[in-house]
N, C-alpha and C. Protein backbone atom coordinates (compact mmCIF):
# COMPACT_ATOMS: atom_id res chain seq x y z
N MET A 1 -14.55 19.80 8.15
CA MET A 1 -14.31 19.14 6.96
C MET A 1 -14.61 20.08 5.63
N LEU A 2 -15.72 20.75 5.94
CA LEU A 2 -16.13 21.73 4.86
C LEU A 2 -15.62 22.82 5.07
N LEU A 3 -15.08 23.50 6.33
CA LEU A 3 -14.54 24.41 6.43
C LEU A 3 -13.08 24.30 5.66
N SER A 4 -12.46 23.24 6.13
CA SER A 4 -11.13 23.07 5.32
C SER A 4 -11.31 23.13 3.73
N CYS A 5 -12.44 22.98 3.21
CA CYS A 5 -12.54 22.83 1.94
C CYS A 5 -12.86 24.17 1.16
N LEU A 6 -13.99 24.88 1.76
CA LEU A 6 -14.58 26.01 1.72
C LEU A 6 -14.19 27.16 1.93
N HIS A 7 -13.17 27.31 2.97
CA HIS A 7 -12.54 28.29 3.23
C HIS A 7 -13.39 29.15 3.80
N SER A 8 -14.76 29.26 4.02
CA SER A 8 -15.01 30.39 4.62
C SER A 8 -16.33 30.04 5.65
N VAL A 9 -16.21 30.39 6.97
CA VAL A 9 -17.33 29.96 7.74
C VAL A 9 -18.50 30.14 7.12
N ARG A 10 -19.23 31.12 6.85
CA ARG A 10 -20.57 31.19 6.20
C ARG A 10 -20.91 30.39 5.49
N TRP A 11 -20.12 30.11 4.35
CA TRP A 11 -20.20 29.12 3.29
C TRP A 11 -20.12 27.79 3.75
N ALA A 12 -19.16 27.70 4.78
CA ALA A 12 -19.29 25.61 5.18
C ALA A 12 -20.77 25.84 6.19
N ARG A 13 -21.07 26.69 6.98
CA ARG A 13 -22.42 27.02 8.04
C ARG A 13 -23.33 26.49 6.91
N ARG A 14 -23.75 27.42 5.93
CA ARG A 14 -24.90 27.10 4.91
C ARG A 14 -24.44 25.81 4.18
N VAL A 15 -23.48 25.25 4.06
CA VAL A 15 -23.86 24.35 3.79
C VAL A 15 -24.42 22.60 4.58
N ALA A 16 -23.67 23.06 5.91
CA ALA A 16 -24.10 22.36 6.56
C ALA A 16 -24.84 22.24 7.70
N ASP A 17 -25.60 23.54 7.35
CA ASP A 17 -26.97 23.77 7.64
C ASP A 17 -28.10 22.80 7.01
N HIS A 18 -28.01 22.33 5.95
CA HIS A 18 -28.64 21.34 4.85
C HIS A 18 -28.77 19.69 5.24
N ARG A 19 -27.67 19.30 6.18
CA ARG A 19 -27.25 18.12 5.97
C ARG A 19 -28.50 17.50 6.69
N PRO A 20 -28.27 15.95 6.38
CA PRO A 20 -27.69 14.98 5.68
C PRO A 20 -28.07 15.09 4.30
N TYR A 21 -27.09 15.19 3.15
CA TYR A 21 -27.06 14.78 1.99
C TYR A 21 -27.62 13.70 1.70
N PRO A 22 -28.20 13.40 0.26
CA PRO A 22 -28.78 11.75 -0.22
C PRO A 22 -27.19 11.10 -0.82
N ASP A 23 -26.28 11.91 -1.39
CA ASP A 23 -25.19 11.57 -2.32
C ASP A 23 -24.28 12.72 -2.40
N ALA A 24 -23.11 12.61 -2.99
CA ALA A 24 -22.17 13.83 -3.55
C ALA A 24 -22.55 14.21 -4.24
N ASP A 25 -23.22 14.20 -5.22
CA ASP A 25 -23.94 15.41 -6.25
C ASP A 25 -24.73 16.37 -5.68
N ALA A 26 -25.62 15.91 -4.80
CA ALA A 26 -26.39 17.38 -3.53
C ALA A 26 -25.47 17.80 -2.57
N LEU A 27 -24.57 17.39 -2.20
CA LEU A 27 -23.63 17.92 -1.64
C LEU A 27 -22.57 19.02 -2.65
N LEU A 28 -22.62 18.55 -2.98
CA LEU A 28 -21.76 19.70 -4.21
C LEU A 28 -22.41 20.74 -4.77
N ALA A 29 -23.49 20.16 -5.49
CA ALA A 29 -24.63 20.99 -5.61
C ALA A 29 -25.19 22.10 -4.53
N ALA A 30 -24.96 21.98 -3.51
CA ALA A 30 -25.42 22.94 -2.09
C ALA A 30 -24.37 23.47 -1.65
N ALA A 31 -22.88 23.16 -2.18
CA ALA A 31 -21.69 23.88 -2.16
C ALA A 31 -21.61 25.02 -2.75
N ASP A 32 -22.08 24.93 -4.29
CA ASP A 32 -21.97 25.68 -5.34
C ASP A 32 -23.40 26.40 -5.16
N GLU A 33 -24.35 25.97 -4.51
CA GLU A 33 -25.51 27.17 -4.55
C GLU A 33 -25.34 28.23 -3.72
N ALA A 34 -24.85 27.60 -2.38
CA ALA A 34 -24.78 28.20 -1.55
C ALA A 34 -23.12 29.35 -1.27
N ALA A 35 -22.24 29.36 -2.64
CA ALA A 35 -21.60 30.50 -3.14
C ALA A 35 -21.97 31.57 -3.60
N TYR A 36 -22.74 31.17 -4.26
CA TYR A 36 -23.41 32.42 -5.18
C TYR A 36 -23.85 33.77 -4.65
N ASP A 37 -24.62 33.62 -3.25
CA ASP A 37 -25.05 34.28 -2.11
C ASP A 37 -23.44 34.73 -1.12
N LEU A 38 -22.46 34.73 -1.53
CA LEU A 38 -21.20 35.03 -0.72
C LEU A 38 -21.00 36.34 -0.84
N THR A 39 -21.07 36.79 0.34
CA THR A 39 -20.63 38.37 0.32
C THR A 39 -19.27 38.69 0.03
N ALA A 40 -18.91 39.88 -0.21
CA ALA A 40 -17.68 40.09 -0.24
C ALA A 40 -16.73 40.06 0.76
N ALA A 41 -17.14 40.16 1.94
CA ALA A 41 -16.47 39.54 2.88
C ALA A 41 -16.12 38.24 2.82
N ASP A 42 -17.03 37.45 2.78
CA ASP A 42 -17.04 36.16 2.77
C ASP A 42 -15.99 35.85 2.02
N LEU A 43 -16.07 36.22 0.28
CA LEU A 43 -15.22 35.84 -0.71
C LEU A 43 -13.88 35.95 -0.13
N GLY A 44 -13.37 37.53 0.53
CA GLY A 44 -12.12 37.74 1.21
C GLY A 44 -12.03 36.49 1.88
N GLU A 45 -12.57 36.18 2.91
CA GLU A 45 -12.22 35.13 3.85
C GLU A 45 -11.67 33.58 3.27
N ALA A 46 -12.43 33.71 2.07
CA ALA A 46 -11.95 32.50 0.98
C ALA A 46 -10.70 32.49 0.69
N LEU A 47 -10.50 33.77 0.20
CA LEU A 47 -9.40 33.96 -0.78
C LEU A 47 -8.28 34.11 0.40
N ALA A 48 -8.06 34.58 1.12
CA ALA A 48 -7.09 34.76 2.10
C ALA A 48 -6.40 33.28 2.65
N ALA A 49 -7.10 32.23 2.85
CA ALA A 49 -6.62 30.90 2.87
C ALA A 49 -6.34 30.31 1.93
N GLU A 50 -6.17 31.00 0.40
CA GLU A 50 -6.13 30.02 -0.69
C GLU A 50 -4.49 30.24 -0.82
N SER A 51 -3.48 29.86 -1.47
CA SER A 51 -2.32 29.45 -1.77
C SER A 51 -2.13 29.65 -3.24
N LEU A 52 -0.55 30.10 -3.60
CA LEU A 52 -0.51 30.46 -4.79
C LEU A 52 -0.43 28.81 -5.65
N PRO A 53 -0.59 28.45 -6.96
CA PRO A 53 -1.06 27.27 -7.07
C PRO A 53 0.55 26.68 -6.80
N GLU A 54 0.82 25.39 -7.30
CA GLU A 54 2.39 25.12 -6.95
C GLU A 54 2.82 25.07 -9.17
N LEU A 55 4.17 25.38 -8.84
CA LEU A 55 5.03 24.89 -10.15
C LEU A 55 4.90 23.39 -10.48
N PRO A 56 4.79 22.79 -11.10
CA PRO A 56 5.31 21.28 -11.45
C PRO A 56 6.91 21.17 -11.17
N ASP A 57 7.08 20.02 -11.03
CA ASP A 57 8.45 19.61 -10.65
C ASP A 57 9.21 20.26 -11.97
N GLY A 58 10.54 20.71 -12.21
CA GLY A 58 11.08 20.85 -12.92
C GLY A 58 11.01 21.95 -13.87
N ALA A 59 10.44 22.71 -13.07
CA ALA A 59 9.78 24.46 -13.82
C ALA A 59 10.92 25.38 -13.78
N TYR A 60 11.66 25.65 -14.76
CA TYR A 60 12.79 26.52 -14.91
C TYR A 60 12.56 28.22 -14.35
N SER A 61 13.59 28.36 -13.46
CA SER A 61 13.79 29.82 -13.06
C SER A 61 13.62 30.54 -13.29
N ALA A 62 12.99 30.84 -14.56
CA ALA A 62 12.85 32.14 -15.48
C ALA A 62 11.01 31.99 -15.44
N ALA A 63 10.72 30.67 -15.00
CA ALA A 63 9.34 30.60 -15.14
C ALA A 63 8.82 31.23 -13.73
N HIS A 64 9.08 30.93 -12.56
CA HIS A 64 9.38 31.32 -11.54
C HIS A 64 8.96 32.56 -11.50
N THR A 65 10.39 33.16 -11.90
CA THR A 65 10.40 34.83 -12.04
C THR A 65 9.04 35.70 -12.58
N ALA A 66 8.55 35.03 -14.21
CA ALA A 66 7.74 35.47 -14.67
C ALA A 66 6.29 35.13 -13.51
N LEU A 67 6.20 34.29 -13.47
CA LEU A 67 4.98 33.98 -12.25
C LEU A 67 4.88 35.16 -11.22
N GLY A 68 5.74 34.76 -10.55
CA GLY A 68 5.98 35.83 -9.36
C GLY A 68 5.62 37.04 -9.68
N ALA A 69 6.20 38.27 -11.02
CA ALA A 69 6.02 38.97 -11.45
C ALA A 69 4.17 39.11 -11.87
N ALA A 70 4.10 37.94 -12.57
CA ALA A 70 2.38 38.07 -12.77
C ALA A 70 1.14 38.18 -11.51
N HIS A 71 1.67 37.45 -10.52
CA HIS A 71 0.95 37.48 -9.34
C HIS A 71 0.65 38.46 -8.75
N ALA A 72 2.90 39.32 -8.52
CA ALA A 72 2.38 40.31 -7.83
C ALA A 72 1.69 41.83 -8.81
N ALA A 73 1.44 41.70 -9.86
CA ALA A 73 0.86 42.53 -10.90
C ALA A 73 -0.90 42.32 -10.52
N TYR A 74 -1.26 40.99 -10.33
CA TYR A 74 -2.77 41.00 -10.12
C TYR A 74 -3.14 41.59 -8.84
N GLU A 75 -2.08 40.86 -7.78
CA GLU A 75 -2.90 41.30 -6.48
C GLU A 75 -2.77 42.65 -6.63
N ALA A 76 -1.82 43.61 -6.77
CA ALA A 76 -1.63 45.22 -7.17
C ALA A 76 -3.30 45.83 -7.59
N ARG A 77 -3.83 45.15 -8.60
CA ARG A 77 -4.64 45.64 -9.27
C ARG A 77 -5.97 45.29 -8.77
N PHE A 78 -5.85 44.09 -8.09
CA PHE A 78 -7.19 43.55 -7.68
C PHE A 78 -7.57 43.45 -6.19
N GLY A 79 -6.26 43.28 -5.65
CA GLY A 79 -6.03 42.92 -3.82
C GLY A 79 -6.32 41.90 -3.28
N HIS A 80 -6.30 40.66 -4.07
CA HIS A 80 -6.19 39.39 -3.66
C HIS A 80 -5.45 38.83 -4.33
N VAL A 81 -5.16 37.50 -3.58
CA VAL A 81 -4.21 36.63 -4.49
C VAL A 81 -5.21 36.24 -6.01
N PHE A 82 -4.60 35.61 -6.71
CA PHE A 82 -4.95 34.71 -7.71
C PHE A 82 -5.62 33.39 -7.57
N VAL A 83 -6.65 33.11 -7.77
CA VAL A 83 -6.99 31.59 -7.85
C VAL A 83 -7.12 31.37 -9.18
N ILE A 84 -7.23 30.10 -9.45
CA ILE A 84 -7.87 29.34 -10.38
C ILE A 84 -7.28 27.81 -9.95
N CYS A 85 -8.52 27.07 -10.63
CA CYS A 85 -8.65 25.72 -10.72
C CYS A 85 -8.15 24.84 -11.99
N LEU A 86 -6.79 24.27 -11.91
CA LEU A 86 -6.33 23.82 -12.79
C LEU A 86 -6.46 22.05 -12.93
N ASP A 87 -7.72 21.58 -12.19
CA ASP A 87 -7.50 20.04 -12.17
C ASP A 87 -7.91 19.65 -13.44
N ASP A 88 -8.47 20.08 -14.56
CA ASP A 88 -8.48 19.56 -15.83
C ASP A 88 -7.33 19.50 -16.58
N PHE A 89 -6.09 19.93 -16.50
CA PHE A 89 -4.95 19.89 -17.02
C PHE A 89 -3.82 18.86 -16.67
N THR A 90 -3.21 18.49 -17.34
CA THR A 90 -1.64 17.62 -17.37
C THR A 90 -1.14 18.53 -16.64
N PRO A 91 0.22 17.83 -15.88
CA PRO A 91 1.27 18.48 -15.25
C PRO A 91 1.96 19.62 -16.39
N ASP A 92 1.95 19.05 -17.45
CA ASP A 92 2.84 19.32 -18.46
C ASP A 92 2.01 20.92 -18.70
N GLU A 93 1.08 20.78 -18.70
CA GLU A 93 0.07 21.66 -19.41
C GLU A 93 -0.42 23.12 -17.89
N VAL A 94 -0.07 22.65 -16.97
CA VAL A 94 -0.07 23.41 -15.96
C VAL A 94 0.51 25.09 -15.77
N LEU A 95 1.89 25.05 -15.74
CA LEU A 95 2.56 26.40 -16.29
C LEU A 95 1.80 27.75 -17.12
N ASP A 96 2.15 26.72 -18.29
CA ASP A 96 1.28 27.11 -19.90
C ASP A 96 -0.35 28.18 -19.10
N GLN A 97 -1.11 27.02 -18.87
CA GLN A 97 -2.17 27.71 -18.54
C GLN A 97 -2.57 28.27 -17.47
N LEU A 98 -1.33 28.69 -16.37
CA LEU A 98 -1.19 29.53 -15.16
C LEU A 98 -1.01 30.89 -15.54
N LEU A 99 -0.19 30.67 -16.52
CA LEU A 99 0.57 32.00 -16.77
C LEU A 99 -0.29 32.91 -17.70
N ALA A 100 -0.97 31.92 -18.85
CA ALA A 100 -1.97 32.26 -19.89
C ALA A 100 -3.32 33.15 -19.09
N ALA A 101 -3.74 32.75 -17.85
CA ALA A 101 -4.72 32.63 -17.22
C ALA A 101 -4.69 34.07 -16.09
N ILE A 102 -3.37 34.12 -15.79
CA ILE A 102 -3.03 35.23 -15.19
C ILE A 102 -3.26 36.37 -15.80
N ARG A 103 -2.47 36.17 -16.76
CA ARG A 103 -2.43 37.62 -18.14
C ARG A 103 -3.53 37.67 -18.47
N SER A 104 -4.35 37.03 -19.35
CA SER A 104 -5.64 37.00 -19.47
C SER A 104 -6.50 37.96 -18.64
N ARG A 105 -6.73 37.53 -17.57
CA ARG A 105 -7.09 38.03 -16.29
C ARG A 105 -7.02 39.66 -16.11
N LEU A 106 -5.84 39.64 -15.88
CA LEU A 106 -5.65 41.15 -15.64
C LEU A 106 -6.27 42.27 -16.85
N THR A 107 -6.57 41.93 -17.52
CA THR A 107 -7.39 42.78 -18.71
C THR A 107 -8.83 42.84 -17.95
N ASN A 108 -9.10 42.14 -17.18
CA ASN A 108 -10.52 42.18 -16.54
C ASN A 108 -10.93 43.10 -16.10
N ASP A 109 -12.05 43.78 -15.91
CA ASP A 109 -12.34 44.97 -14.74
C ASP A 109 -12.51 44.44 -13.40
N PRO A 110 -12.47 45.10 -12.17
CA PRO A 110 -12.58 44.36 -11.39
C PRO A 110 -13.54 43.78 -10.99
N GLU A 111 -15.12 44.26 -11.48
CA GLU A 111 -16.28 43.47 -11.34
C GLU A 111 -16.66 42.20 -12.12
N GLU A 112 -15.89 42.36 -13.16
CA GLU A 112 -15.67 40.79 -13.80
C GLU A 112 -15.03 40.05 -13.53
N GLU A 113 -14.04 40.64 -13.00
CA GLU A 113 -13.10 39.43 -12.28
C GLU A 113 -13.43 39.36 -10.61
N ARG A 114 -13.99 39.77 -10.45
CA ARG A 114 -15.08 39.33 -9.01
C ARG A 114 -15.96 38.14 -9.44
N GLY A 115 -16.77 38.35 -10.67
CA GLY A 115 -17.12 37.26 -10.80
C GLY A 115 -16.34 35.72 -11.06
N VAL A 116 -15.58 35.96 -11.67
CA VAL A 116 -14.21 35.23 -12.80
C VAL A 116 -13.79 34.30 -11.06
N THR A 117 -13.26 35.18 -10.24
CA THR A 117 -12.54 34.40 -9.30
C THR A 117 -13.47 34.17 -8.16
N ALA A 118 -14.79 34.53 -8.32
CA ALA A 118 -15.68 33.29 -7.20
C ALA A 118 -15.96 31.97 -8.06
N GLU A 119 -16.12 32.10 -9.43
CA GLU A 119 -16.18 30.51 -10.21
C GLU A 119 -15.48 29.88 -10.05
N GLU A 120 -14.02 30.53 -9.52
CA GLU A 120 -12.58 29.77 -9.82
C GLU A 120 -12.74 28.98 -8.07
N LEU A 121 -13.27 29.73 -7.38
CA LEU A 121 -13.41 29.13 -5.46
C LEU A 121 -14.29 28.43 -5.70
N ARG A 122 -15.38 28.37 -6.45
CA ARG A 122 -16.07 27.56 -6.18
C ARG A 122 -15.83 25.87 -7.35
N ARG A 123 -14.88 26.06 -7.95
CA ARG A 123 -14.34 24.99 -8.77
C ARG A 123 -13.47 24.34 -7.85
N LEU A 124 -12.22 25.11 -7.12
CA LEU A 124 -11.19 24.11 -6.26
C LEU A 124 -12.12 23.92 -4.70
N ALA A 125 -12.84 24.46 -4.73
CA ALA A 125 -13.90 23.65 -3.47
C ALA A 125 -14.50 22.60 -3.67
N ARG A 126 -14.91 22.30 -4.91
CA ARG A 126 -15.62 21.56 -5.86
C ARG A 126 -14.64 20.26 -5.53
N GLY A 127 -13.62 20.58 -6.08
CA GLY A 127 -12.37 19.74 -5.99
C GLY A 127 -11.85 19.04 -4.75
N ARG A 128 -11.87 20.01 -3.91
CA ARG A 128 -11.30 19.73 -2.52
C ARG A 128 -12.36 19.00 -1.67
N LEU A 129 -13.60 19.06 -2.31
CA LEU A 129 -15.37 18.43 -1.51
C LEU A 129 -15.14 16.97 -1.98
N VAL A 130 -14.78 17.10 -3.33
CA VAL A 130 -14.37 15.46 -4.12
C VAL A 130 -13.46 14.41 -3.34
N THR A 131 -12.28 15.19 -3.32
CA THR A 131 -11.26 14.69 -2.34
C THR A 131 -10.85 14.23 -1.12
N SER A 132 -11.67 15.25 -0.55
CA SER A 132 -11.98 14.92 0.62
C SER A 132 -13.52 13.91 1.07
N LEU A 133 -14.05 13.52 0.27
CA LEU A 133 -15.16 12.56 0.69
C LEU A 133 -14.52 11.08 0.06
N ARG A 134 -13.50 10.85 -0.99
CA ARG A 134 -12.94 10.11 -1.57
C ARG A 134 -11.61 9.49 -0.25
N GLY A 135 -11.42 10.25 0.59
CA GLY A 135 -10.08 10.28 1.40
C GLY A 135 -10.86 10.05 2.50
N ALA A 136 -11.97 10.32 2.63
CA ALA A 136 -13.14 9.94 3.75
C ALA A 136 -13.48 8.13 3.99
N GLY A 137 -13.33 7.55 2.88
CA GLY A 137 -13.51 5.92 2.98
C GLY A 137 -14.72 5.72 1.85
N ASN A 138 -15.16 6.92 1.20
CA ASN A 138 -16.66 7.08 0.64
C ASN A 138 -16.03 6.75 -0.84
N ARG A 139 -17.32 6.13 -1.54
CA ARG A 139 -16.82 5.71 -2.74
C ARG A 139 -16.69 7.08 -3.59
N ALA A 140 -17.22 7.95 -3.43
CA ALA A 140 -16.82 9.07 -4.47
C ALA A 140 -15.98 9.05 -4.72
N THR A 141 -15.49 9.01 -6.10
CA THR A 141 -14.53 9.44 -6.94
C THR A 141 -14.36 10.38 -7.73
N SER A 142 -15.39 11.16 -8.15
CA SER A 142 -15.49 12.10 -8.85
C SER A 142 -16.64 12.57 -8.60
N PRO A 143 -17.04 13.87 -9.34
CA PRO A 143 -18.26 14.39 -9.02
C PRO A 143 -19.29 14.28 -9.34
N ASN A 144 -19.37 12.89 -10.08
CA ASN A 144 -20.82 12.08 -10.51
C ASN A 144 -21.26 11.21 -9.75
N ASP A 145 -20.39 10.48 -8.92
CA ASP A 145 -20.53 8.91 -8.26
C ASP A 145 -21.06 9.74 -6.77
N THR A 146 -21.86 8.66 -6.10
CA THR A 146 -22.35 9.07 -4.90
C THR A 146 -21.69 9.00 -3.82
N ALA A 147 -21.81 9.20 -3.12
CA ALA A 147 -21.38 8.69 -1.65
C ALA A 147 -22.07 8.84 -0.54
N PRO A 148 -22.40 7.23 0.10
CA PRO A 148 -23.32 7.24 1.42
C PRO A 148 -22.95 8.19 2.54
N GLY A 149 -24.06 8.99 2.76
CA GLY A 149 -24.19 9.87 4.22
C GLY A 149 -23.29 11.06 3.89
N ALA A 150 -23.33 11.49 2.47
CA ALA A 150 -22.81 12.58 2.18
C ALA A 150 -23.66 13.92 2.49
C-alpha cells in the first residue's frame, strides 16, 4: 500500500520501518518527514510513476492542445513530468489551475523547481495515503481523522 501511494521504494521502506503508527496523523507526518531526505534518484523513481493529471470531462480540444504543449515544454526544461496536487480545487477549477501552475513553474530555475516538485509529490502521496486508509475500512476520511492501527 505504501509503495502504491509513495511510488518510491526507499520512501515506502522508511515509512514502513517505523510502524505501527498510532493514528493517521502520525502516518502522514512520517511520510512527510521521510520525503524530506529523498535523493534525486528517489524523487526520479517517484516521478516516473506519476501520470499527467486528467482533464475534467467536457474540456475542449484546444485545452488538450495547450496542456500538451505546456507539458512538453516543462519536460524539456526539467527532464521529468509535471506534477501538481489539485485536491483543493473543484472540477471546474482544475483546468485553469493546471495551466496557470505549469506556465508559472516553467519560469522557475531547476533548483527551485526541484523543491516545488518534491512538495507536490508529498501532497499527492498524502492524498493517496488518506484515500487508501479510507478504502481499507479505516475511519480516516481526512488527514486529521485517526485510523485505528495505521
